[in-house]
mmCIF file of all heavy atoms, coordinates in Angstrom:
data_MODEL
# 
_entry.id   MODEL 
# 
loop_
_atom_site.group_PDB 
_atom_site.id 
_atom_site.type_symbol 
_atom_site.label_atom_id 
_atom_site.label_alt_id 
_atom_site.label_comp_id 
_atom_site.label_asym_id 
_atom_site.label_entity_id 
_atom_site.label_seq_id 
_atom_site.pdbx_PDB_ins_code 
_atom_site.Cartn_x 
_atom_site.Cartn_y 
_atom_site.Cartn_z 
_atom_site.occupancy 
_atom_site.B_iso_or_equiv 
_atom_site.pdbx_formal_charge 
_atom_site.auth_seq_id 
_atom_site.auth_comp_id 
_atom_site.auth_asym_id 
_atom_site.auth_atom_id 
_atom_site.pdbx_PDB_model_num 
ATOM 1   N N   . ALA A 1 1  ? 166.180 120.878 49.155 1.00 0.00 ? 1  ALA A N   1 
ATOM 2   C CA  . ALA A 1 1  ? 167.028 120.875 50.340 1.00 0.00 ? 1  ALA A CA  1 
ATOM 3   C C   . ALA A 1 1  ? 167.038 122.313 50.845 1.00 0.00 ? 1  ALA A C   1 
ATOM 4   O O   . ALA A 1 1  ? 167.434 123.228 50.116 1.00 0.00 ? 1  ALA A O   1 
ATOM 5   C CB  . ALA A 1 1  ? 168.436 120.419 50.002 1.00 0.00 ? 1  ALA A CB  1 
ATOM 6   N N   . LEU A 1 2  ? 166.559 122.508 52.057 1.00 0.00 ? 2  LEU A N   1 
ATOM 7   C CA  . LEU A 1 2  ? 166.494 123.838 52.651 1.00 0.00 ? 2  LEU A CA  1 
ATOM 8   C C   . LEU A 1 2  ? 167.456 123.899 53.826 1.00 0.00 ? 2  LEU A C   1 
ATOM 9   O O   . LEU A 1 2  ? 167.587 122.923 54.576 1.00 0.00 ? 2  LEU A O   1 
ATOM 10  C CB  . LEU A 1 2  ? 165.078 124.138 53.143 1.00 0.00 ? 2  LEU A CB  1 
ATOM 11  C CG  . LEU A 1 2  ? 163.950 123.930 52.133 1.00 0.00 ? 2  LEU A CG  1 
ATOM 12  C CD1 . LEU A 1 2  ? 162.601 124.117 52.802 1.00 0.00 ? 2  LEU A CD1 1 
ATOM 13  C CD2 . LEU A 1 2  ? 164.104 124.870 50.954 1.00 0.00 ? 2  LEU A CD2 1 
ATOM 14  N N   . TYR A 1 3  ? 168.105 125.043 54.006 1.00 0.00 ? 3  TYR A N   1 
ATOM 15  C CA  . TYR A 1 3  ? 169.081 125.201 55.082 1.00 0.00 ? 3  TYR A CA  1 
ATOM 16  C C   . TYR A 1 3  ? 168.700 126.382 55.956 1.00 0.00 ? 3  TYR A C   1 
ATOM 17  O O   . TYR A 1 3  ? 168.374 127.461 55.462 1.00 0.00 ? 3  TYR A O   1 
ATOM 18  C CB  . TYR A 1 3  ? 170.492 125.345 54.506 1.00 0.00 ? 3  TYR A CB  1 
ATOM 19  C CG  . TYR A 1 3  ? 170.885 124.077 53.805 1.00 0.00 ? 3  TYR A CG  1 
ATOM 20  C CD1 . TYR A 1 3  ? 170.665 123.911 52.442 1.00 0.00 ? 3  TYR A CD1 1 
ATOM 21  C CD2 . TYR A 1 3  ? 171.411 123.014 54.528 1.00 0.00 ? 3  TYR A CD2 1 
ATOM 22  C CE1 . TYR A 1 3  ? 170.967 122.722 51.815 1.00 0.00 ? 3  TYR A CE1 1 
ATOM 23  C CE2 . TYR A 1 3  ? 171.711 121.817 53.905 1.00 0.00 ? 3  TYR A CE2 1 
ATOM 24  C CZ  . TYR A 1 3  ? 171.493 121.675 52.556 1.00 0.00 ? 3  TYR A CZ  1 
ATOM 25  O OH  . TYR A 1 3  ? 171.775 120.490 51.937 1.00 0.00 ? 3  TYR A OH  1 
ATOM 26  N N   . PHE A 1 4  ? 168.768 126.151 57.263 1.00 0.00 ? 4  PHE A N   1 
ATOM 27  C CA  . PHE A 1 4  ? 168.321 127.102 58.280 1.00 0.00 ? 4  PHE A CA  1 
ATOM 28  C C   . PHE A 1 4  ? 169.452 127.274 59.285 1.00 0.00 ? 4  PHE A C   1 
ATOM 29  O O   . PHE A 1 4  ? 170.000 126.288 59.779 1.00 0.00 ? 4  PHE A O   1 
ATOM 30  C CB  . PHE A 1 4  ? 167.071 126.523 58.957 1.00 0.00 ? 4  PHE A CB  1 
ATOM 31  C CG  . PHE A 1 4  ? 166.410 127.418 59.959 1.00 0.00 ? 4  PHE A CG  1 
ATOM 32  C CD1 . PHE A 1 4  ? 165.655 128.496 59.559 1.00 0.00 ? 4  PHE A CD1 1 
ATOM 33  C CD2 . PHE A 1 4  ? 166.511 127.137 61.317 1.00 0.00 ? 4  PHE A CD2 1 
ATOM 34  C CE1 . PHE A 1 4  ? 165.018 129.302 60.495 1.00 0.00 ? 4  PHE A CE1 1 
ATOM 35  C CE2 . PHE A 1 4  ? 165.883 127.926 62.257 1.00 0.00 ? 4  PHE A CE2 1 
ATOM 36  C CZ  . PHE A 1 4  ? 165.134 129.019 61.852 1.00 0.00 ? 4  PHE A CZ  1 
ATOM 37  N N   . ASP A 1 5  ? 169.811 128.540 59.577 1.00 0.00 ? 5  ASP A N   1 
ATOM 38  C CA  . ASP A 1 5  ? 170.945 128.790 60.484 1.00 0.00 ? 5  ASP A CA  1 
ATOM 39  C C   . ASP A 1 5  ? 170.541 128.997 61.943 1.00 0.00 ? 5  ASP A C   1 
ATOM 40  O O   . ASP A 1 5  ? 171.357 129.365 62.775 1.00 0.00 ? 5  ASP A O   1 
ATOM 41  C CB  . ASP A 1 5  ? 171.764 129.978 59.998 1.00 0.00 ? 5  ASP A CB  1 
ATOM 42  C CG  . ASP A 1 5  ? 171.023 131.304 60.058 1.00 0.00 ? 5  ASP A CG  1 
ATOM 43  O OD1 . ASP A 1 5  ? 169.859 131.347 60.534 1.00 0.00 ? 5  ASP A OD1 1 
ATOM 44  O OD2 . ASP A 1 5  ? 171.597 132.317 59.613 1.00 0.00 ? 5  ASP A OD2 1 
ATOM 45  N N   . GLY A 1 6  ? 169.290 128.770 62.269 1.00 0.00 ? 6  GLY A N   1 
ATOM 46  C CA  . GLY A 1 6  ? 168.792 128.989 63.617 1.00 0.00 ? 6  GLY A CA  1 
ATOM 47  C C   . GLY A 1 6  ? 167.899 130.211 63.693 1.00 0.00 ? 6  GLY A C   1 
ATOM 48  O O   . GLY A 1 6  ? 167.098 130.350 64.611 1.00 0.00 ? 6  GLY A O   1 
ATOM 49  N N   . LYS A 1 7  ? 168.038 131.106 62.698 1.00 0.00 ? 7  LYS A N   1 
ATOM 50  C CA  . LYS A 1 7  ? 167.212 132.311 62.642 1.00 0.00 ? 7  LYS A CA  1 
ATOM 51  C C   . LYS A 1 7  ? 166.475 132.430 61.314 1.00 0.00 ? 7  LYS A C   1 
ATOM 52  O O   . LYS A 1 7  ? 165.313 132.793 61.276 1.00 0.00 ? 7  LYS A O   1 
ATOM 53  C CB  . LYS A 1 7  ? 168.072 133.559 62.846 1.00 0.00 ? 7  LYS A CB  1 
ATOM 54  C CG  . LYS A 1 7  ? 168.675 133.670 64.224 1.00 0.00 ? 7  LYS A CG  1 
ATOM 55  C CD  . LYS A 1 7  ? 169.503 134.926 64.355 1.00 0.00 ? 7  LYS A CD  1 
ATOM 56  C CE  . LYS A 1 7  ? 170.132 134.971 65.747 1.00 0.00 ? 7  LYS A CE  1 
ATOM 57  N NZ  . LYS A 1 7  ? 171.031 136.084 65.904 1.00 0.00 ? 7  LYS A NZ  1 
ATOM 58  N N   . ASP A 1 8  ? 167.192 132.152 60.224 1.00 0.00 ? 8  ASP A N   1 
ATOM 59  C CA  . ASP A 1 8  ? 166.624 132.343 58.891 1.00 0.00 ? 8  ASP A CA  1 
ATOM 60  C C   . ASP A 1 8  ? 166.949 131.160 57.985 1.00 0.00 ? 8  ASP A C   1 
ATOM 61  O O   . ASP A 1 8  ? 167.949 130.471 58.170 1.00 0.00 ? 8  ASP A O   1 
ATOM 62  C CB  . ASP A 1 8  ? 167.204 133.607 58.235 1.00 0.00 ? 8  ASP A CB  1 
ATOM 63  C CG  . ASP A 1 8  ? 166.841 134.867 58.965 1.00 0.00 ? 8  ASP A CG  1 
ATOM 64  O OD1 . ASP A 1 8  ? 165.638 135.082 59.195 1.00 0.00 ? 8  ASP A OD1 1 
ATOM 65  O OD2 . ASP A 1 8  ? 167.761 135.633 59.318 1.00 0.00 ? 8  ASP A OD2 1 
ATOM 66  N N   . PHE A 1 9  ? 166.105 130.992 56.963 1.00 0.00 ? 9  PHE A N   1 
ATOM 67  C CA  . PHE A 1 9  ? 166.428 130.058 55.895 1.00 0.00 ? 9  PHE A CA  1 
ATOM 68  C C   . PHE A 1 9  ? 167.463 130.754 55.023 1.00 0.00 ? 9  PHE A C   1 
ATOM 69  O O   . PHE A 1 9  ? 167.246 131.872 54.548 1.00 0.00 ? 9  PHE A O   1 
ATOM 70  C CB  . PHE A 1 9  ? 165.180 129.694 55.093 1.00 0.00 ? 9  PHE A CB  1 
ATOM 71  C CG  . PHE A 1 9  ? 164.269 128.767 55.841 1.00 0.00 ? 9  PHE A CG  1 
ATOM 72  C CD1 . PHE A 1 9  ? 163.222 129.257 56.607 1.00 0.00 ? 9  PHE A CD1 1 
ATOM 73  C CD2 . PHE A 1 9  ? 164.472 127.397 55.802 1.00 0.00 ? 9  PHE A CD2 1 
ATOM 74  C CE1 . PHE A 1 9  ? 162.393 128.404 57.316 1.00 0.00 ? 9  PHE A CE1 1 
ATOM 75  C CE2 . PHE A 1 9  ? 163.647 126.531 56.503 1.00 0.00 ? 9  PHE A CE2 1 
ATOM 76  C CZ  . PHE A 1 9  ? 162.607 127.030 57.262 1.00 0.00 ? 9  PHE A CZ  1 
ATOM 77  N N   . ILE A 1 10 ? 168.607 130.119 54.826 1.00 0.00 ? 10 ILE A N   1 
ATOM 78  C CA  . ILE A 1 10 ? 169.731 130.781 54.147 1.00 0.00 ? 10 ILE A CA  1 
ATOM 79  C C   . ILE A 1 10 ? 170.043 130.190 52.777 1.00 0.00 ? 10 ILE A C   1 
ATOM 80  O O   . ILE A 1 10 ? 170.769 130.795 51.996 1.00 0.00 ? 10 ILE A O   1 
ATOM 81  C CB  . ILE A 1 10 ? 170.992 130.744 55.016 1.00 0.00 ? 10 ILE A CB  1 
ATOM 82  C CG1 . ILE A 1 10 ? 171.339 129.300 55.364 1.00 0.00 ? 10 ILE A CG1 1 
ATOM 83  C CG2 . ILE A 1 10 ? 170.809 131.582 56.272 1.00 0.00 ? 10 ILE A CG2 1 
ATOM 84  C CD1 . ILE A 1 10 ? 172.712 129.115 55.976 1.00 0.00 ? 10 ILE A CD1 1 
ATOM 85  N N   . ALA A 1 11 ? 169.526 128.999 52.504 1.00 0.00 ? 11 ALA A N   1 
ATOM 86  C CA  . ALA A 1 11 ? 169.804 128.383 51.204 1.00 0.00 ? 11 ALA A CA  1 
ATOM 87  C C   . ALA A 1 11 ? 168.702 127.397 50.868 1.00 0.00 ? 11 ALA A C   1 
ATOM 88  O O   . ALA A 1 11 ? 168.059 126.834 51.747 1.00 0.00 ? 11 ALA A O   1 
ATOM 89  C CB  . ALA A 1 11 ? 171.155 127.669 51.219 1.00 0.00 ? 11 ALA A CB  1 
ATOM 90  N N   . ALA A 1 12 ? 168.492 127.236 49.562 1.00 0.00 ? 12 ALA A N   1 
ATOM 91  C CA  . ALA A 1 12 ? 167.526 126.261 49.058 1.00 0.00 ? 12 ALA A CA  1 
ATOM 92  C C   . ALA A 1 12 ? 168.038 125.736 47.725 1.00 0.00 ? 12 ALA A C   1 
ATOM 93  O O   . ALA A 1 12 ? 168.554 126.505 46.900 1.00 0.00 ? 12 ALA A O   1 
ATOM 94  C CB  . ALA A 1 12 ? 166.152 126.904 48.890 1.00 0.00 ? 12 ALA A CB  1 
ATOM 95  N N   . TYR A 1 13 ? 167.893 124.438 47.528 1.00 0.00 ? 13 TYR A N   1 
ATOM 96  C CA  . TYR A 1 13 ? 168.334 123.813 46.284 1.00 0.00 ? 13 TYR A CA  1 
ATOM 97  C C   . TYR A 1 13 ? 167.238 122.890 45.775 1.00 0.00 ? 13 TYR A C   1 
ATOM 98  O O   . TYR A 1 13 ? 166.603 122.185 46.550 1.00 0.00 ? 13 TYR A O   1 
ATOM 99  C CB  . TYR A 1 13 ? 169.619 123.002 46.506 1.00 0.00 ? 13 TYR A CB  1 
ATOM 100 C CG  . TYR A 1 13 ? 170.756 123.856 46.991 1.00 0.00 ? 13 TYR A CG  1 
ATOM 101 C CD1 . TYR A 1 13 ? 171.022 123.965 48.354 1.00 0.00 ? 13 TYR A CD1 1 
ATOM 102 C CD2 . TYR A 1 13 ? 171.543 124.577 46.102 1.00 0.00 ? 13 TYR A CD2 1 
ATOM 103 C CE1 . TYR A 1 13 ? 172.051 124.761 48.819 1.00 0.00 ? 13 TYR A CE1 1 
ATOM 104 C CE2 . TYR A 1 13 ? 172.570 125.387 46.553 1.00 0.00 ? 13 TYR A CE2 1 
ATOM 105 C CZ  . TYR A 1 13 ? 172.823 125.472 47.911 1.00 0.00 ? 13 TYR A CZ  1 
ATOM 106 O OH  . TYR A 1 13 ? 173.836 126.276 48.366 1.00 0.00 ? 13 TYR A OH  1 
ATOM 107 N N   . ASN A 1 14 ? 167.024 122.911 44.468 1.00 0.00 ? 14 ASN A N   1 
ATOM 108 C CA  . ASN A 1 14 ? 166.067 122.019 43.838 1.00 0.00 ? 14 ASN A CA  1 
ATOM 109 C C   . ASN A 1 14 ? 166.771 120.698 43.569 1.00 0.00 ? 14 ASN A C   1 
ATOM 110 O O   . ASN A 1 14 ? 167.677 120.630 42.734 1.00 0.00 ? 14 ASN A O   1 
ATOM 111 C CB  . ASN A 1 14 ? 165.560 122.641 42.531 1.00 0.00 ? 14 ASN A CB  1 
ATOM 112 C CG  . ASN A 1 14 ? 164.504 121.792 41.878 1.00 0.00 ? 14 ASN A CG  1 
ATOM 113 O OD1 . ASN A 1 14 ? 164.576 120.565 41.860 1.00 0.00 ? 14 ASN A OD1 1 
ATOM 114 N ND2 . ASN A 1 14 ? 163.513 122.445 41.324 1.00 0.00 ? 14 ASN A ND2 1 
ATOM 115 N N   . LEU A 1 15 ? 166.375 119.649 44.271 1.00 0.00 ? 15 LEU A N   1 
ATOM 116 C CA  . LEU A 1 15 ? 167.065 118.365 44.153 1.00 0.00 ? 15 LEU A CA  1 
ATOM 117 C C   . LEU A 1 15 ? 166.721 117.596 42.888 1.00 0.00 ? 15 LEU A C   1 
ATOM 118 O O   . LEU A 1 15 ? 167.376 116.609 42.563 1.00 0.00 ? 15 LEU A O   1 
ATOM 119 C CB  . LEU A 1 15 ? 166.782 117.503 45.384 1.00 0.00 ? 15 LEU A CB  1 
ATOM 120 C CG  . LEU A 1 15 ? 167.304 118.083 46.692 1.00 0.00 ? 15 LEU A CG  1 
ATOM 121 C CD1 . LEU A 1 15 ? 166.912 117.207 47.868 1.00 0.00 ? 15 LEU A CD1 1 
ATOM 122 C CD2 . LEU A 1 15 ? 168.810 118.281 46.642 1.00 0.00 ? 15 LEU A CD2 1 
ATOM 123 N N   . LYS A 1 16 ? 165.703 118.058 42.169 1.00 0.00 ? 16 LYS A N   1 
ATOM 124 C CA  . LYS A 1 16 ? 165.367 117.412 40.888 1.00 0.00 ? 16 LYS A CA  1 
ATOM 125 C C   . LYS A 1 16 ? 166.263 117.932 39.772 1.00 0.00 ? 16 LYS A C   1 
ATOM 126 O O   . LYS A 1 16 ? 166.739 117.178 38.937 1.00 0.00 ? 16 LYS A O   1 
ATOM 127 C CB  . LYS A 1 16 ? 163.902 117.683 40.534 1.00 0.00 ? 16 LYS A CB  1 
ATOM 128 C CG  . LYS A 1 16 ? 163.056 116.459 40.538 1.00 0.00 ? 16 LYS A CG  1 
ATOM 129 C CD  . LYS A 1 16 ? 161.675 116.761 40.031 1.00 0.00 ? 16 LYS A CD  1 
ATOM 130 C CE  . LYS A 1 16 ? 160.887 115.477 40.090 1.00 0.00 ? 16 LYS A CE  1 
ATOM 131 N NZ  . LYS A 1 16 ? 159.485 115.664 39.916 1.00 0.00 ? 16 LYS A NZ  1 
ATOM 132 N N   . THR A 1 17 ? 166.474 119.242 39.768 1.00 0.00 ? 17 THR A N   1 
ATOM 133 C CA  . THR A 1 17 ? 167.234 119.859 38.673 1.00 0.00 ? 17 THR A CA  1 
ATOM 134 C C   . THR A 1 17 ? 168.662 120.221 39.052 1.00 0.00 ? 17 THR A C   1 
ATOM 135 O O   . THR A 1 17 ? 169.473 120.525 38.183 1.00 0.00 ? 17 THR A O   1 
ATOM 136 C CB  . THR A 1 17 ? 166.522 121.132 38.187 1.00 0.00 ? 17 THR A CB  1 
ATOM 137 O OG1 . THR A 1 17 ? 166.433 122.062 39.277 1.00 0.00 ? 17 THR A OG1 1 
ATOM 138 C CG2 . THR A 1 17 ? 165.133 120.818 37.661 1.00 0.00 ? 17 THR A CG2 1 
ATOM 139 N N   . ASP A 1 18 ? 168.979 120.200 40.334 1.00 0.00 ? 18 ASP A N   1 
ATOM 140 C CA  . ASP A 1 18 ? 170.303 120.618 40.805 1.00 0.00 ? 18 ASP A CA  1 
ATOM 141 C C   . ASP A 1 18 ? 170.794 119.654 41.882 1.00 0.00 ? 18 ASP A C   1 
ATOM 142 O O   . ASP A 1 18 ? 170.970 120.024 43.033 1.00 0.00 ? 18 ASP A O   1 
ATOM 143 C CB  . ASP A 1 18 ? 170.225 122.056 41.343 1.00 0.00 ? 18 ASP A CB  1 
ATOM 144 C CG  . ASP A 1 18 ? 171.566 122.608 41.791 1.00 0.00 ? 18 ASP A CG  1 
ATOM 145 O OD1 . ASP A 1 18 ? 172.616 122.074 41.373 1.00 0.00 ? 18 ASP A OD1 1 
ATOM 146 O OD2 . ASP A 1 18 ? 171.563 123.573 42.580 1.00 0.00 ? 18 ASP A OD2 1 
ATOM 147 N N   . ILE A 1 19 ? 171.025 118.417 41.517 1.00 0.00 ? 19 ILE A N   1 
ATOM 148 C CA  . ILE A 1 19 ? 171.403 117.379 42.474 1.00 0.00 ? 19 ILE A CA  1 
ATOM 149 C C   . ILE A 1 19 ? 172.731 117.686 43.155 1.00 0.00 ? 19 ILE A C   1 
ATOM 150 O O   . ILE A 1 19 ? 172.985 117.221 44.269 1.00 0.00 ? 19 ILE A O   1 
ATOM 151 C CB  . ILE A 1 19 ? 171.421 115.980 41.792 1.00 0.00 ? 19 ILE A CB  1 
ATOM 152 C CG1 . ILE A 1 19 ? 171.475 114.863 42.833 1.00 0.00 ? 19 ILE A CG1 1 
ATOM 153 C CG2 . ILE A 1 19 ? 172.576 115.847 40.835 1.00 0.00 ? 19 ILE A CG2 1 
ATOM 154 C CD1 . ILE A 1 19 ? 170.203 114.656 43.566 1.00 0.00 ? 19 ILE A CD1 1 
ATOM 155 N N   . LEU A 1 20 ? 173.580 118.489 42.536 1.00 0.00 ? 20 LEU A N   1 
ATOM 156 C CA  . LEU A 1 20 ? 174.879 118.825 43.129 1.00 0.00 ? 20 LEU A CA  1 
ATOM 157 C C   . LEU A 1 20 ? 174.833 120.091 43.991 1.00 0.00 ? 20 LEU A C   1 
ATOM 158 O O   . LEU A 1 20 ? 175.856 120.549 44.477 1.00 0.00 ? 20 LEU A O   1 
ATOM 159 C CB  . LEU A 1 20 ? 175.939 118.965 42.031 1.00 0.00 ? 20 LEU A CB  1 
ATOM 160 C CG  . LEU A 1 20 ? 176.185 117.706 41.200 1.00 0.00 ? 20 LEU A CG  1 
ATOM 161 C CD1 . LEU A 1 20 ? 177.259 117.947 40.150 1.00 0.00 ? 20 LEU A CD1 1 
ATOM 162 C CD2 . LEU A 1 20 ? 176.560 116.528 42.081 1.00 0.00 ? 20 LEU A CD2 1 
ATOM 163 N N   . ASN A 1 21 ? 173.647 120.646 44.179 1.00 0.00 ? 21 ASN A N   1 
ATOM 164 C CA  . ASN A 1 21 ? 173.458 121.820 45.049 1.00 0.00 ? 21 ASN A CA  1 
ATOM 165 C C   . ASN A 1 21 ? 174.366 122.990 44.660 1.00 0.00 ? 21 ASN A C   1 
ATOM 166 O O   . ASN A 1 21 ? 175.044 123.578 45.494 1.00 0.00 ? 21 ASN A O   1 
ATOM 167 C CB  . ASN A 1 21 ? 173.699 121.457 46.514 1.00 0.00 ? 21 ASN A CB  1 
ATOM 168 C CG  . ASN A 1 21 ? 172.794 120.358 47.014 1.00 0.00 ? 21 ASN A CG  1 
ATOM 169 O OD1 . ASN A 1 21 ? 171.724 120.132 46.489 1.00 0.00 ? 21 ASN A OD1 1 
ATOM 170 N ND2 . ASN A 1 21 ? 173.229 119.669 48.039 1.00 0.00 ? 21 ASN A ND2 1 
ATOM 171 N N   . LYS A 1 22 ? 174.333 123.344 43.401 1.00 0.00 ? 22 LYS A N   1 
ATOM 172 C CA  . LYS A 1 22 ? 175.195 124.431 42.913 1.00 0.00 ? 22 LYS A CA  1 
ATOM 173 C C   . LYS A 1 22 ? 174.489 125.779 42.857 1.00 0.00 ? 22 LYS A C   1 
ATOM 174 O O   . LYS A 1 22 ? 175.119 126.818 42.983 1.00 0.00 ? 22 LYS A O   1 
ATOM 175 C CB  . LYS A 1 22 ? 175.720 124.074 41.520 1.00 0.00 ? 22 LYS A CB  1 
ATOM 176 C CG  . LYS A 1 22 ? 176.565 122.827 41.504 1.00 0.00 ? 22 LYS A CG  1 
ATOM 177 C CD  . LYS A 1 22 ? 177.822 123.064 40.764 1.00 0.00 ? 22 LYS A CD  1 
ATOM 178 C CE  . LYS A 1 22 ? 178.619 121.780 40.724 1.00 0.00 ? 22 LYS A CE  1 
ATOM 179 N NZ  . LYS A 1 22 ? 179.967 121.979 41.148 1.00 0.00 ? 22 LYS A NZ  1 
ATOM 180 N N   . LYS A 1 23 ? 173.154 125.777 42.652 1.00 0.00 ? 23 LYS A N   1 
ATOM 181 C CA  . LYS A 1 23 ? 172.433 127.033 42.463 1.00 0.00 ? 23 LYS A CA  1 
ATOM 182 C C   . LYS A 1 23 ? 171.479 127.269 43.626 1.00 0.00 ? 23 LYS A C   1 
ATOM 183 O O   . LYS A 1 23 ? 170.411 126.669 43.712 1.00 0.00 ? 23 LYS A O   1 
ATOM 184 C CB  . LYS A 1 23 ? 171.661 127.004 41.145 1.00 0.00 ? 23 LYS A CB  1 
ATOM 185 C CG  . LYS A 1 23 ? 170.989 128.323 40.832 1.00 0.00 ? 23 LYS A CG  1 
ATOM 186 C CD  . LYS A 1 23 ? 170.265 128.280 39.509 1.00 0.00 ? 23 LYS A CD  1 
ATOM 187 C CE  . LYS A 1 23 ? 169.579 129.612 39.280 1.00 0.00 ? 23 LYS A CE  1 
ATOM 188 N NZ  . LYS A 1 23 ? 168.663 129.570 38.173 1.00 0.00 ? 23 LYS A NZ  1 
ATOM 189 N N   . ASN A 1 24 ? 171.866 128.186 44.497 1.00 0.00 ? 24 ASN A N   1 
ATOM 190 C CA  . ASN A 1 24 ? 171.029 128.545 45.638 1.00 0.00 ? 24 ASN A CA  1 
ATOM 191 C C   . ASN A 1 24 ? 169.832 129.348 45.126 1.00 0.00 ? 24 ASN A C   1 
ATOM 192 O O   . ASN A 1 24 ? 170.002 130.419 44.547 1.00 0.00 ? 24 ASN A O   1 
ATOM 193 C CB  . ASN A 1 24 ? 171.840 129.363 46.647 1.00 0.00 ? 24 ASN A CB  1 
ATOM 194 C CG  . ASN A 1 24 ? 171.072 129.666 47.906 1.00 0.00 ? 24 ASN A CG  1 
ATOM 195 O OD1 . ASN A 1 24 ? 169.873 129.422 48.005 1.00 0.00 ? 24 ASN A OD1 1 
ATOM 196 N ND2 . ASN A 1 24 ? 171.769 130.195 48.890 1.00 0.00 ? 24 ASN A ND2 1 
ATOM 197 N N   . ILE A 1 25 ? 168.629 128.835 45.337 1.00 0.00 ? 25 ILE A N   1 
ATOM 198 C CA  . ILE A 1 25 ? 167.422 129.493 44.827 1.00 0.00 ? 25 ILE A CA  1 
ATOM 199 C C   . ILE A 1 25 ? 166.604 130.133 45.954 1.00 0.00 ? 25 ILE A C   1 
ATOM 200 O O   . ILE A 1 25 ? 165.422 130.404 45.792 1.00 0.00 ? 25 ILE A O   1 
ATOM 201 C CB  . ILE A 1 25 ? 166.550 128.493 44.034 1.00 0.00 ? 25 ILE A CB  1 
ATOM 202 C CG1 . ILE A 1 25 ? 166.164 127.282 44.900 1.00 0.00 ? 25 ILE A CG1 1 
ATOM 203 C CG2 . ILE A 1 25 ? 167.254 128.071 42.756 1.00 0.00 ? 25 ILE A CG2 1 
ATOM 204 C CD1 . ILE A 1 25 ? 165.155 126.345 44.250 1.00 0.00 ? 25 ILE A CD1 1 
ATOM 205 N N   . ILE A 1 26 ? 167.242 130.417 47.082 1.00 0.00 ? 26 ILE A N   1 
ATOM 206 C CA  . ILE A 1 26 ? 166.532 130.946 48.240 1.00 0.00 ? 26 ILE A CA  1 
ATOM 207 C C   . ILE A 1 26 ? 165.833 132.269 47.925 1.00 0.00 ? 26 ILE A C   1 
ATOM 208 O O   . ILE A 1 26 ? 164.777 132.565 48.499 1.00 0.00 ? 26 ILE A O   1 
ATOM 209 C CB  . ILE A 1 26 ? 167.474 131.104 49.460 1.00 0.00 ? 26 ILE A CB  1 
ATOM 210 C CG1 . ILE A 1 26 ? 166.677 131.339 50.742 1.00 0.00 ? 26 ILE A CG1 1 
ATOM 211 C CG2 . ILE A 1 26 ? 168.482 132.223 49.244 1.00 0.00 ? 26 ILE A CG2 1 
ATOM 212 C CD1 . ILE A 1 26 ? 165.893 130.170 51.209 1.00 0.00 ? 26 ILE A CD1 1 
ATOM 213 N N   . ASP A 1 27 ? 166.369 133.053 47.013 1.00 0.00 ? 27 ASP A N   1 
ATOM 214 C CA  . ASP A 1 27 ? 165.780 134.357 46.710 1.00 0.00 ? 27 ASP A CA  1 
ATOM 215 C C   . ASP A 1 27 ? 164.633 134.305 45.706 1.00 0.00 ? 27 ASP A C   1 
ATOM 216 O O   . ASP A 1 27 ? 164.001 135.320 45.430 1.00 0.00 ? 27 ASP A O   1 
ATOM 217 C CB  . ASP A 1 27 ? 166.865 135.321 46.199 1.00 0.00 ? 27 ASP A CB  1 
ATOM 218 C CG  . ASP A 1 27 ? 167.870 135.657 47.283 1.00 0.00 ? 27 ASP A CG  1 
ATOM 219 O OD1 . ASP A 1 27 ? 167.474 135.688 48.470 1.00 0.00 ? 27 ASP A OD1 1 
ATOM 220 O OD2 . ASP A 1 27 ? 169.050 135.872 46.957 1.00 0.00 ? 27 ASP A OD2 1 
ATOM 221 N N   . GLN A 1 28 ? 164.348 133.133 45.172 1.00 0.00 ? 28 GLN A N   1 
ATOM 222 C CA  . GLN A 1 28 ? 163.224 133.017 44.249 1.00 0.00 ? 28 GLN A CA  1 
ATOM 223 C C   . GLN A 1 28 ? 161.911 133.104 45.024 1.00 0.00 ? 28 GLN A C   1 
ATOM 224 O O   . GLN A 1 28 ? 161.813 132.650 46.164 1.00 0.00 ? 28 GLN A O   1 
ATOM 225 C CB  . GLN A 1 28 ? 163.279 131.703 43.473 1.00 0.00 ? 28 GLN A CB  1 
ATOM 226 C CG  . GLN A 1 28 ? 164.419 131.659 42.477 1.00 0.00 ? 28 GLN A CG  1 
ATOM 227 C CD  . GLN A 1 28 ? 164.417 130.376 41.665 1.00 0.00 ? 28 GLN A CD  1 
ATOM 228 O OE1 . GLN A 1 28 ? 163.502 129.573 41.728 1.00 0.00 ? 28 GLN A OE1 1 
ATOM 229 N NE2 . GLN A 1 28 ? 165.468 130.187 40.895 1.00 0.00 ? 28 GLN A NE2 1 
ATOM 230 N N   . THR A 1 29 ? 160.916 133.679 44.421 1.00 0.00 ? 29 THR A N   1 
ATOM 231 C CA  . THR A 1 29 ? 159.619 133.862 45.060 1.00 0.00 ? 29 THR A CA  1 
ATOM 232 C C   . THR A 1 29 ? 158.990 132.526 45.423 1.00 0.00 ? 29 THR A C   1 
ATOM 233 O O   . THR A 1 29 ? 158.971 131.600 44.616 1.00 0.00 ? 29 THR A O   1 
ATOM 234 C CB  . THR A 1 29 ? 158.664 134.635 44.114 1.00 0.00 ? 29 THR A CB  1 
ATOM 235 O OG1 . THR A 1 29 ? 159.322 135.821 43.691 1.00 0.00 ? 29 THR A OG1 1 
ATOM 236 C CG2 . THR A 1 29 ? 157.375 134.984 44.812 1.00 0.00 ? 29 THR A CG2 1 
ATOM 237 N N   . ASN A 1 30 ? 158.491 132.451 46.635 1.00 0.00 ? 30 ASN A N   1 
ATOM 238 C CA  . ASN A 1 30 ? 157.751 131.272 47.131 1.00 0.00 ? 30 ASN A CA  1 
ATOM 239 C C   . ASN A 1 30 ? 158.523 129.960 47.037 1.00 0.00 ? 30 ASN A C   1 
ATOM 240 O O   . ASN A 1 30 ? 157.922 128.907 46.854 1.00 0.00 ? 30 ASN A O   1 
ATOM 241 C CB  . ASN A 1 30 ? 156.417 131.129 46.394 1.00 0.00 ? 30 ASN A CB  1 
ATOM 242 C CG  . ASN A 1 30 ? 155.530 132.334 46.598 1.00 0.00 ? 30 ASN A CG  1 
ATOM 243 O OD1 . ASN A 1 30 ? 155.528 132.927 47.672 1.00 0.00 ? 30 ASN A OD1 1 
ATOM 244 N ND2 . ASN A 1 30 ? 154.795 132.706 45.575 1.00 0.00 ? 30 ASN A ND2 1 
# 
């Protein structure tokens, strides 16, 4: 699940391992 504010991607969540969207992984490489 990726989130975009109109300018930048601001959040990303792995829906396989983090179904509750608790750990934002946007800063992880690639």
